[in-house]
Amino acid sequence: MTGLVKCLHGFIREVDLSHSEWAKLLAFFYRVGNKTTETRDEFMLLSDVMGITSLVDLLASTKNPEATPASPLGPFYLENAPIIQQGGTLCRAGEPGIPLVFKGTVTNEHGVKIENALLDIWHNADSGLYSNEDETQDDMNNRGRIYTDEQGRFTLNTIRPKPYSVPMDGPVGDLLNAFERSPWRSAHLHVVVSAQGYESVITELFFSDCEYIDIDAVGGVRPSLTHEPSYINTDRGETLFIDHHFRLRPLSQEPASL
């Protein structure tokens, strides 16, 4: 905290901040607080679009180079998503969108498979909206948790997520407009992976053919988290296929030297 205060004082001196400018900044933070609800975290969104969340993730990843890199949680996470079985689905019956089969493995950094690792997965609908910002969707649509089997594997069905604009109806949207920045996020799946005895990882998976892959609004894209589109034929028709290997770091391991 002392370091943060020193940096703030240095910034104030550098720009010769006026009372009116400081008052406007405080009013902005007041608006951010007022916009935050149980289902929308405007402060998290502010951290994301300023690149702070991504920078913290990148610094953590340099300490754990063999583990799956982190990416922002985002403001639309909901706790207690339903548990689904192997081969189950995240979405409601008849959900529009490109079918997606999502498979993967969870291991430690050395490739040892982890049984009963829990993956908490969520994404937006074909409309581009998450369930907690769209009254037409069930609360837990396109959300679910799944445990890995004895081989550390999991398989589930869902739809391909869409790129979307971060919410622009609040103070963070006003900030992006003021700086003429793109509000668009590259299409992605959110995943939180946890297992007993291991550090949890919050991450995202991306698609290389998305038009916003190089200008993601929160800087969350990582090369190792980006997949080339691959399609297979299933009873759902032409279906996108992803197979991702997640690596977790043991809790007892000391941080690696930078």
C-alpha atoms as a PDB file:
ATOM      1  CA  MET A   1       0.000   0.000   0.000  1.00  0.00           C
ATOM      2  CA  THR A   2       2.884   2.361   0.773  1.00  0.00           C
ATOM      3  CA  GLY A   3       4.284   1.795  -2.709  1.00  0.00           C
ATOM      4  CA  LEU A   4       0.884   2.486  -4.280  1.00  0.00           C
ATOM      5  CA  VAL A   5       0.519   5.750  -2.368  1.00  0.00           C
ATOM      6  CA  LYS A   6       4.006   6.840  -3.440  1.00  0.00           C
ATOM      7  CA  CYS A   7       3.153   6.093  -7.081  1.00  0.00           C
ATOM      8  CA  LEU A   8      -0.094   8.053  -6.808  1.00  0.00           C
ATOM      9  CA  HIS A   9       1.695  11.021  -5.268  1.00  0.00           C
ATOM     10  CA  GLY A  10       4.268  10.861  -8.060  1.00  0.00           C
ATOM     11  CA  PHE A  11       1.513  10.831 -10.690  1.00  0.00           C
ATOM     12  CA  ILE A  12      -0.250  13.797  -9.078  1.00  0.00           C
ATOM     13  CA  ARG A  13       2.973  15.794  -9.121  1.00  0.00           C
ATOM     14  CA  GLU A  14       3.775  14.756 -12.700  1.00  0.00           C
ATOM     15  CA  VAL A  15       0.441  15.928 -14.140  1.00  0.00           C
ATOM     16  CA  ASP A  16      -0.055  18.786 -11.655  1.00  0.00           C
ATOM     17  CA  LEU A  17      -3.505  17.451 -10.787  1.00  0.00           C
ATOM     18  CA  SER A  18      -6.100  20.123 -10.013  1.00  0.00           C
ATOM     19  CA  HIS A  19      -8.897  20.003  -7.431  1.00  0.00           C
ATOM     20  CA  SER A  20     -11.528  19.828 -10.169  1.00  0.00           C
ATOM     21  CA  GLU A  21      -9.746  16.930 -11.893  1.00  0.00           C
ATOM     22  CA  TRP A  22      -9.470  15.054  -8.603  1.00  0.00           C
ATOM     23  CA  ALA A  23     -13.166  15.651  -7.913  1.00  0.00           C
ATOM     24  CA  LYS A  24     -14.050  14.252 -11.357  1.00  0.00           C
ATOM     25  CA  LEU A  25     -11.961  11.150 -10.669  1.00  0.00           C
ATOM     26  CA  LEU A  26     -13.683  10.584  -7.330  1.00  0.00           C
ATOM     27  CA  ALA A  27     -17.068  11.040  -9.009  1.00  0.00           C
ATOM     28  CA  PHE A  28     -16.067   8.454 -11.620  1.00  0.00           C
ATOM     29  CA  PHE A  29     -15.209   5.896  -8.930  1.00  0.00           C
ATOM     30  CA  TYR A  30     -18.491   6.711  -7.178  1.00  0.00           C
ATOM     31  CA  ARG A  31     -20.337   5.882 -10.415  1.00  0.00           C
ATOM     32  CA  VAL A  32     -18.368   2.634 -10.758  1.00  0.00           C
ATOM     33  CA  GLY A  33     -19.466   1.655  -7.261  1.00  0.00           C
ATOM     34  CA  ASN A  34     -23.101   2.507  -7.939  1.00  0.00           C
ATOM     35  CA  LYS A  35     -23.090   0.449 -11.144  1.00  0.00           C
ATOM     36  CA  THR A  36     -21.780  -2.632  -9.343  1.00  0.00           C
ATOM     37  CA  THR A  37     -24.412  -5.209  -8.344  1.00  0.00           C
ATOM     38  CA  GLU A  38     -24.483  -8.846  -7.247  1.00  0.00           C
ATOM     39  CA  THR A  39     -24.449  -9.917 -10.898  1.00  0.00           C
ATOM     40  CA  ARG A  40     -22.257  -7.190 -12.408  1.00  0.00           C
ATOM     41  CA  ASP A  41     -18.854  -6.106 -11.107  1.00  0.00           C
ATOM     42  CA  GLU A  42     -18.029  -2.731 -12.661  1.00  0.00           C
ATOM     43  CA  PHE A  43     -14.807  -2.493 -10.643  1.00  0.00           C
ATOM     44  CA  MET A  44     -13.642  -5.797 -12.105  1.00  0.00           C
ATOM     45  CA  LEU A  45     -14.554  -4.515 -15.561  1.00  0.00           C
ATOM     46  CA  LEU A  46     -12.532  -1.349 -14.930  1.00  0.00           C
ATOM     47  CA  SER A  47      -9.526  -3.409 -13.852  1.00  0.00           C
ATOM     48  CA  ASP A  48      -9.904  -5.563 -16.956  1.00  0.00           C
ATOM     49  CA  VAL A  49     -10.097  -2.789 -19.564  1.00  0.00           C
ATOM     50  CA  MET A  50      -7.192  -0.919 -17.946  1.00  0.00           C
ATOM     51  CA  GLY A  51      -5.059  -4.019 -18.406  1.00  0.00           C
ATOM     52  CA  ILE A  52      -4.415  -4.368 -14.677  1.00  0.00           C
ATOM     53  CA  THR A  53      -5.996  -7.807 -14.362  1.00  0.00           C
ATOM     54  CA  SER A  54      -4.074  -9.087 -17.372  1.00  0.00           C
ATOM     55  CA  LEU A  55      -0.773  -7.683 -16.087  1.00  0.00           C
ATOM     56  CA  VAL A  56      -1.235  -9.381 -12.711  1.00  0.00           C
ATOM     57  CA  ASP A  57      -1.992 -12.635 -14.555  1.00  0.00           C
ATOM     58  CA  LEU A  58       1.112 -12.299 -16.737  1.00  0.00           C
ATOM     59  CA  LEU A  59       3.369 -11.643 -13.751  1.00  0.00           C
ATOM     60  CA  ALA A  60       1.981 -14.721 -11.999  1.00  0.00           C
ATOM     61  CA  SER A  61       2.524 -16.818 -15.133  1.00  0.00           C
ATOM     62  CA  THR A  62       6.228 -15.916 -15.289  1.00  0.00           C
ATOM     63  CA  LYS A  63       6.612 -17.469 -11.832  1.00  0.00           C
ATOM     64  CA  ASN A  64       4.895 -20.691 -12.960  1.00  0.00           C
ATOM     65  CA  PRO A  65       5.996 -21.182 -16.593  1.00  0.00           C
ATOM     66  CA  GLU A  66       4.966 -24.866 -16.753  1.00  0.00           C
ATOM     67  CA  ALA A  67       1.447 -24.270 -15.456  1.00  0.00           C
ATOM     68  CA  THR A  68      -1.520 -23.122 -17.532  1.00  0.00           C
ATOM     69  CA  PRO A  69      -1.377 -19.318 -17.799  1.00  0.00           C
ATOM     70  CA  ALA A  70      -4.118 -17.245 -16.224  1.00  0.00           C
ATOM     71  CA  SER A  71      -6.525 -14.901 -17.975  1.00  0.00           C
ATOM     72  CA  PRO A  72      -9.136 -12.505 -16.523  1.00  0.00           C
ATOM     73  CA  LEU A  73     -12.145 -13.854 -14.629  1.00  0.00           C
ATOM     74  CA  GLY A  74     -14.406 -11.203 -16.106  1.00  0.00           C
ATOM     75  CA  PRO A  75     -17.496  -9.634 -14.532  1.00  0.00           C
ATOM     76  CA  PHE A  76     -20.047 -12.348 -15.401  1.00  0.00           C
ATOM     77  CA  TYR A  77     -18.974 -15.282 -13.230  1.00  0.00           C
ATOM     78  CA  LEU A  78     -21.687 -16.918 -11.115  1.00  0.00           C
ATOM     79  CA  GLU A  79     -21.042 -19.357  -8.275  1.00  0.00           C
ATOM     80  CA  ASN A  80     -22.673 -22.765  -7.900  1.00  0.00           C
ATOM     81  CA  ALA A  81     -23.150 -23.654 -11.546  1.00  0.00           C
ATOM     82  CA  PRO A  82     -24.768 -27.097 -11.936  1.00  0.00           C
ATOM     83  CA  ILE A  83     -22.617 -30.222 -11.899  1.00  0.00           C
ATOM     84  CA  ILE A  84     -22.763 -32.059 -15.224  1.00  0.00           C
ATOM     85  CA  GLN A  85     -21.666 -35.601 -16.022  1.00  0.00           C
ATOM     86  CA  GLN A  86     -19.140 -36.693 -18.640  1.00  0.00           C
ATOM     87  CA  GLY A  87     -20.629 -35.996 -22.072  1.00  0.00           C
ATOM     88  CA  GLY A  88     -23.228 -33.649 -20.603  1.00  0.00           C
ATOM     89  CA  THR A  89     -24.177 -30.219 -21.882  1.00  0.00           C
ATOM     90  CA  LEU A  90     -23.835 -26.668 -20.602  1.00  0.00           C
ATOM     91  CA  CYS A  91     -26.692 -25.209 -22.609  1.00  0.00           C
ATOM     92  CA  ARG A  92     -30.473 -25.515 -22.635  1.00  0.00           C
ATOM     93  CA  ALA A  93     -32.225 -27.733 -25.174  1.00  0.00           C
ATOM     94  CA  GLY A  94     -32.427 -26.198 -28.625  1.00  0.00           C
ATOM     95  CA  GLU A  95     -29.813 -23.551 -27.871  1.00  0.00           C
ATOM     96  CA  PRO A  96     -28.914 -21.777 -31.140  1.00  0.00           C
ATOM     97  CA  GLY A  97     -25.295 -21.621 -32.216  1.00  0.00           C
ATOM     98  CA  ILE A  98     -22.462 -23.695 -33.646  1.00  0.00           C
ATOM     99  CA  PRO A  99     -22.195 -26.996 -31.716  1.00  0.00           C
ATOM    100  CA  LEU A 100     -18.971 -27.384 -29.734  1.00  0.00           C
ATOM    101  CA  VAL A 101     -17.430 -30.497 -28.197  1.00  0.00           C
ATOM    102  CA  PHE A 102     -14.988 -29.470 -25.468  1.00  0.00           C
ATOM    103  CA  LYS A 103     -12.595 -32.166 -24.292  1.00  0.00           C
ATOM    104  CA  GLY A 104      -9.449 -31.989 -22.262  1.00  0.00           C
ATOM    105  CA  THR A 105      -7.056 -33.287 -19.660  1.00  0.00           C
ATOM    106  CA  VAL A 106      -5.938 -31.943 -16.294  1.00  0.00           C
ATOM    107  CA  THR A 107      -2.449 -32.876 -15.079  1.00  0.00           C
ATOM    108  CA  ASN A 108       0.274 -31.496 -12.891  1.00  0.00           C
ATOM    109  CA  GLU A 109       3.276 -29.718 -14.418  1.00  0.00           C
ATOM    110  CA  HIS A 110       4.969 -33.064 -15.110  1.00  0.00           C
ATOM    111  CA  GLY A 111       2.027 -34.649 -16.927  1.00  0.00           C
ATOM    112  CA  VAL A 112       0.672 -36.743 -14.047  1.00  0.00           C
ATOM    113  CA  LYS A 113      -3.093 -36.972 -14.553  1.00  0.00           C
ATOM    114  CA  ILE A 114      -5.324 -35.512 -11.850  1.00  0.00           C
ATOM    115  CA  GLU A 115      -8.544 -37.358 -11.030  1.00  0.00           C
ATOM    116  CA  ASN A 116     -11.543 -35.395  -9.690  1.00  0.00           C
ATOM    117  CA  ALA A 117     -10.200 -32.019 -10.745  1.00  0.00           C
ATOM    118  CA  LEU A 118     -13.130 -29.617 -11.011  1.00  0.00           C
ATOM    119  CA  LEU A 119     -13.617 -27.413 -14.067  1.00  0.00           C
ATOM    120  CA  ASP A 120     -16.055 -24.505 -13.746  1.00  0.00           C
ATOM    121  CA  ILE A 121     -16.935 -23.387 -17.288  1.00  0.00           C
ATOM    122  CA  TRP A 122     -19.098 -20.567 -18.629  1.00  0.00           C
ATOM    123  CA  HIS A 123     -19.527 -18.520 -21.786  1.00  0.00           C
ATOM    124  CA  ASN A 124     -21.999 -16.306 -23.596  1.00  0.00           C
ATOM    125  CA  ALA A 125     -24.876 -17.310 -25.843  1.00  0.00           C
ATOM    126  CA  ASP A 126     -25.090 -17.018 -29.623  1.00  0.00           C
ATOM    127  CA  SER A 127     -26.608 -13.577 -28.999  1.00  0.00           C
ATOM    128  CA  GLY A 128     -23.339 -12.483 -27.398  1.00  0.00           C
ATOM    129  CA  LEU A 129     -24.998 -12.123 -23.981  1.00  0.00           C
ATOM    130  CA  TYR A 130     -24.264 -13.996 -20.751  1.00  0.00           C
ATOM    131  CA  SER A 131     -27.131 -15.493 -18.794  1.00  0.00           C
ATOM    132  CA  ASN A 132     -26.863 -12.911 -16.017  1.00  0.00           C
ATOM    133  CA  GLU A 133     -27.331  -9.999 -18.442  1.00  0.00           C
ATOM    134  CA  ASP A 134     -30.164 -11.533 -20.499  1.00  0.00           C
ATOM    135  CA  GLU A 135     -33.603 -12.147 -18.979  1.00  0.00           C
ATOM    136  CA  THR A 136     -34.545 -14.538 -21.811  1.00  0.00           C
ATOM    137  CA  GLN A 137     -31.929 -17.076 -20.681  1.00  0.00           C
ATOM    138  CA  ASP A 138     -32.088 -19.426 -17.714  1.00  0.00           C
ATOM    139  CA  ASP A 139     -29.867 -18.253 -14.853  1.00  0.00           C
ATOM    140  CA  MET A 140     -27.318 -21.009 -15.436  1.00  0.00           C
ATOM    141  CA  ASN A 141     -27.514 -21.308 -19.212  1.00  0.00           C
ATOM    142  CA  ASN A 142     -24.105 -22.027 -20.780  1.00  0.00           C
ATOM    143  CA  ARG A 143     -22.628 -22.683 -17.345  1.00  0.00           C
ATOM    144  CA  GLY A 144     -21.591 -25.867 -15.613  1.00  0.00           C
ATOM    145  CA  ARG A 145     -19.031 -27.717 -13.529  1.00  0.00           C
ATOM    146  CA  ILE A 146     -17.525 -31.075 -14.412  1.00  0.00           C
ATOM    147  CA  TYR A 147     -15.095 -33.428 -12.632  1.00  0.00           C
ATOM    148  CA  THR A 148     -12.302 -35.224 -14.442  1.00  0.00           C
ATOM    149  CA  ASP A 149     -12.363 -39.025 -14.582  1.00  0.00           C
ATOM    150  CA  GLU A 150      -9.653 -41.416 -13.363  1.00  0.00           C
ATOM    151  CA  GLN A 151      -7.554 -40.506 -16.423  1.00  0.00           C
ATOM    152  CA  GLY A 152      -7.829 -36.792 -15.733  1.00  0.00           C
ATOM    153  CA  ARG A 153     -10.109 -36.393 -18.759  1.00  0.00           C
ATOM    154  CA  PHE A 154     -13.381 -34.562 -19.305  1.00  0.00           C
ATOM    155  CA  THR A 155     -15.833 -34.190 -22.195  1.00  0.00           C
ATOM    156  CA  LEU A 156     -18.832 -31.892 -22.527  1.00  0.00           C
ATOM    157  CA  ASN A 157     -21.086 -30.351 -25.157  1.00  0.00           C
ATOM    158  CA  THR A 158     -22.005 -26.718 -25.641  1.00  0.00           C
ATOM    159  CA  ILE A 159     -22.010 -24.070 -28.386  1.00  0.00           C
ATOM    160  CA  ARG A 160     -19.263 -21.854 -29.745  1.00  0.00           C
ATOM    161  CA  PRO A 161     -19.178 -18.540 -27.854  1.00  0.00           C
ATOM    162  CA  LYS A 162     -19.404 -15.238 -29.703  1.00  0.00           C
ATOM    163  CA  PRO A 163     -17.258 -12.109 -29.552  1.00  0.00           C
ATOM    164  CA  TYR A 164     -19.018  -9.391 -27.599  1.00  0.00           C
ATOM    165  CA  SER A 165     -18.710  -5.825 -26.477  1.00  0.00           C
ATOM    166  CA  VAL A 166     -18.016  -5.250 -22.805  1.00  0.00           C
ATOM    167  CA  PRO A 167     -20.911  -3.372 -21.156  1.00  0.00           C
ATOM    168  CA  MET A 168     -20.955   0.195 -22.446  1.00  0.00           C
ATOM    169  CA  ASP A 169     -23.922   1.473 -20.411  1.00  0.00           C
ATOM    170  CA  GLY A 170     -21.845   2.504 -17.402  1.00  0.00           C
ATOM    171  CA  PRO A 171     -18.809   4.557 -16.418  1.00  0.00           C
ATOM    172  CA  VAL A 172     -16.343   2.050 -17.877  1.00  0.00           C
ATOM    173  CA  GLY A 173     -18.100   2.351 -21.233  1.00  0.00           C
ATOM    174  CA  ASP A 174     -17.814   6.134 -20.997  1.00  0.00           C
ATOM    175  CA  LEU A 175     -14.089   5.740 -20.345  1.00  0.00           C
ATOM    176  CA  LEU A 176     -13.597   3.545 -23.415  1.00  0.00           C
ATOM    177  CA  ASN A 177     -15.534   5.994 -25.573  1.00  0.00           C
ATOM    178  CA  ALA A 178     -13.471   8.907 -24.291  1.00  0.00           C
ATOM    179  CA  PHE A 179     -10.273   7.167 -25.393  1.00  0.00           C
ATOM    180  CA  GLU A 180     -11.838   5.823 -28.616  1.00  0.00           C
ATOM    181  CA  ARG A 181     -10.932   2.259 -27.653  1.00  0.00           C
ATOM    182  CA  SER A 182     -12.577  -0.863 -29.029  1.00  0.00           C
ATOM    183  CA  PRO A 183     -14.881  -2.474 -26.460  1.00  0.00           C
ATOM    184  CA  TRP A 184     -14.865  -5.884 -28.170  1.00  0.00           C
ATOM    185  CA  ARG A 185     -13.675  -9.088 -26.558  1.00  0.00           C
ATOM    186  CA  SER A 186     -12.447 -11.974 -28.661  1.00  0.00           C
ATOM    187  CA  ALA A 187     -14.757 -15.017 -28.409  1.00  0.00           C
ATOM    188  CA  HIS A 188     -13.723 -17.253 -25.514  1.00  0.00           C
ATOM    189  CA  LEU A 189     -14.603 -19.930 -22.999  1.00  0.00           C
ATOM    190  CA  HIS A 190     -14.051 -19.117 -19.329  1.00  0.00           C
ATOM    191  CA  VAL A 191     -12.583 -21.950 -17.242  1.00  0.00           C
ATOM    192  CA  VAL A 192     -11.603 -22.193 -13.578  1.00  0.00           C
ATOM    193  CA  VAL A 193      -9.690 -25.400 -12.814  1.00  0.00           C
ATOM    194  CA  SER A 194      -9.174 -26.570  -9.231  1.00  0.00           C
ATOM    195  CA  ALA A 195      -8.004 -29.747  -7.520  1.00  0.00           C
ATOM    196  CA  GLN A 196      -7.088 -30.743  -3.986  1.00  0.00           C
ATOM    197  CA  GLY A 197      -3.427 -30.003  -3.314  1.00  0.00           C
ATOM    198  CA  TYR A 198      -3.035 -27.720  -6.336  1.00  0.00           C
ATOM    199  CA  GLU A 199      -3.264 -24.027  -7.066  1.00  0.00           C
ATOM    200  CA  SER A 200      -6.450 -23.123  -8.913  1.00  0.00           C
ATOM    201  CA  VAL A 201      -6.177 -21.343 -12.246  1.00  0.00           C
ATOM    202  CA  ILE A 202      -8.616 -18.863 -13.763  1.00  0.00           C
ATOM    203  CA  THR A 203      -8.201 -18.845 -17.514  1.00  0.00           C
ATOM    204  CA  GLU A 204      -9.855 -18.503 -20.931  1.00  0.00           C
ATOM    205  CA  LEU A 205      -9.649 -20.355 -24.251  1.00  0.00           C
ATOM    206  CA  PHE A 206      -9.742 -18.449 -27.542  1.00  0.00           C
ATOM    207  CA  PHE A 207     -10.307 -19.127 -31.256  1.00  0.00           C
ATOM    208  CA  SER A 208      -7.650 -18.001 -33.722  1.00  0.00           C
ATOM    209  CA  ASP A 209     -10.161 -17.111 -36.449  1.00  0.00           C
ATOM    210  CA  CYS A 210     -12.019 -14.525 -34.347  1.00  0.00           C
ATOM    211  CA  GLU A 211     -11.786 -11.041 -35.843  1.00  0.00           C
ATOM    212  CA  TYR A 212     -10.962  -9.533 -32.443  1.00  0.00           C
ATOM    213  CA  ILE A 213      -8.179 -11.952 -31.486  1.00  0.00           C
ATOM    214  CA  ASP A 214      -5.506  -9.224 -31.841  1.00  0.00           C
ATOM    215  CA  ILE A 215      -7.435  -6.373 -30.200  1.00  0.00           C
ATOM    216  CA  ASP A 216      -9.108  -8.060 -27.237  1.00  0.00           C
ATOM    217  CA  ALA A 217     -10.436  -5.245 -25.024  1.00  0.00           C
ATOM    218  CA  VAL A 218      -8.892  -6.619 -21.832  1.00  0.00           C
ATOM    219  CA  GLY A 219      -5.669  -8.055 -23.269  1.00  0.00           C
ATOM    220  CA  GLY A 220      -6.587 -11.554 -22.150  1.00  0.00           C
ATOM    221  CA  VAL A 221      -5.424 -13.534 -25.202  1.00  0.00           C
ATOM    222  CA  ARG A 222      -2.431 -15.868 -24.724  1.00  0.00           C
ATOM    223  CA  PRO A 223      -0.862 -17.919 -27.563  1.00  0.00           C
ATOM    224  CA  SER A 224      -0.986 -21.120 -25.506  1.00  0.00           C
ATOM    225  CA  LEU A 225      -4.705 -20.572 -24.858  1.00  0.00           C
ATOM    226  CA  THR A 226      -5.622 -20.013 -28.518  1.00  0.00           C
ATOM    227  CA  HIS A 227      -7.016 -22.842 -30.659  1.00  0.00           C
ATOM    228  CA  GLU A 228      -7.129 -23.290 -34.416  1.00  0.00           C
ATOM    229  CA  PRO A 229     -10.731 -24.130 -35.388  1.00  0.00           C
ATOM    230  CA  SER A 230     -11.233 -27.845 -36.066  1.00  0.00           C
ATOM    231  CA  TYR A 231     -14.547 -29.411 -37.056  1.00  0.00           C
ATOM    232  CA  ILE A 232     -15.917 -32.951 -36.795  1.00  0.00           C
ATOM    233  CA  ASN A 233     -19.227 -34.507 -37.882  1.00  0.00           C
ATOM    234  CA  THR A 234     -21.573 -35.497 -35.041  1.00  0.00           C
ATOM    235  CA  ASP A 235     -25.299 -36.099 -34.632  1.00  0.00           C
ATOM    236  CA  ARG A 236     -25.527 -32.331 -34.127  1.00  0.00           C
ATOM    237  CA  GLY A 237     -24.088 -31.702 -37.593  1.00  0.00           C
ATOM    238  CA  GLU A 238     -20.782 -29.974 -38.267  1.00  0.00           C
ATOM    239  CA  THR A 239     -19.334 -29.471 -34.805  1.00  0.00           C
ATOM    240  CA  LEU A 240     -16.386 -27.451 -33.537  1.00  0.00           C
ATOM    241  CA  PHE A 241     -13.913 -29.516 -31.514  1.00  0.00           C
ATOM    242  CA  ILE A 242     -11.470 -28.372 -28.822  1.00  0.00           C
ATOM    243  CA  ASP A 243      -9.074 -30.547 -26.825  1.00  0.00           C
ATOM    244  CA  HIS A 244      -7.092 -28.612 -24.213  1.00  0.00           C
ATOM    245  CA  HIS A 245      -4.456 -29.733 -21.718  1.00  0.00           C
ATOM    246  CA  PHE A 246      -4.593 -27.889 -18.384  1.00  0.00           C
ATOM    247  CA  ARG A 247      -1.542 -28.032 -16.087  1.00  0.00           C
ATOM    248  CA  LEU A 248      -1.809 -27.219 -12.381  1.00  0.00           C
ATOM    249  CA  ARG A 249       0.950 -26.271  -9.965  1.00  0.00           C
ATOM    250  CA  PRO A 250       1.147 -28.048  -6.571  1.00  0.00           C
ATOM    251  CA  LEU A 251       0.400 -25.869  -3.560  1.00  0.00           C
ATOM    252  CA  SER A 252       3.573 -26.954  -1.783  1.00  0.00           C
ATOM    253  CA  GLN A 253       5.912 -25.860  -4.585  1.00  0.00           C
ATOM    254  CA  GLU A 254       8.003 -22.763  -3.926  1.00  0.00           C
ATOM    255  CA  PRO A 255       7.701 -19.970  -6.519  1.00  0.00           C
ATOM    256  CA  ALA A 256      10.332 -20.150  -9.233  1.00  0.00           C
ATOM    257  CA  SER A 257      12.928 -17.374  -9.393  1.00  0.00           C
ATOM    258  CA  LEU A 258      12.409 -14.711 -12.036  1.00  0.00           C
END
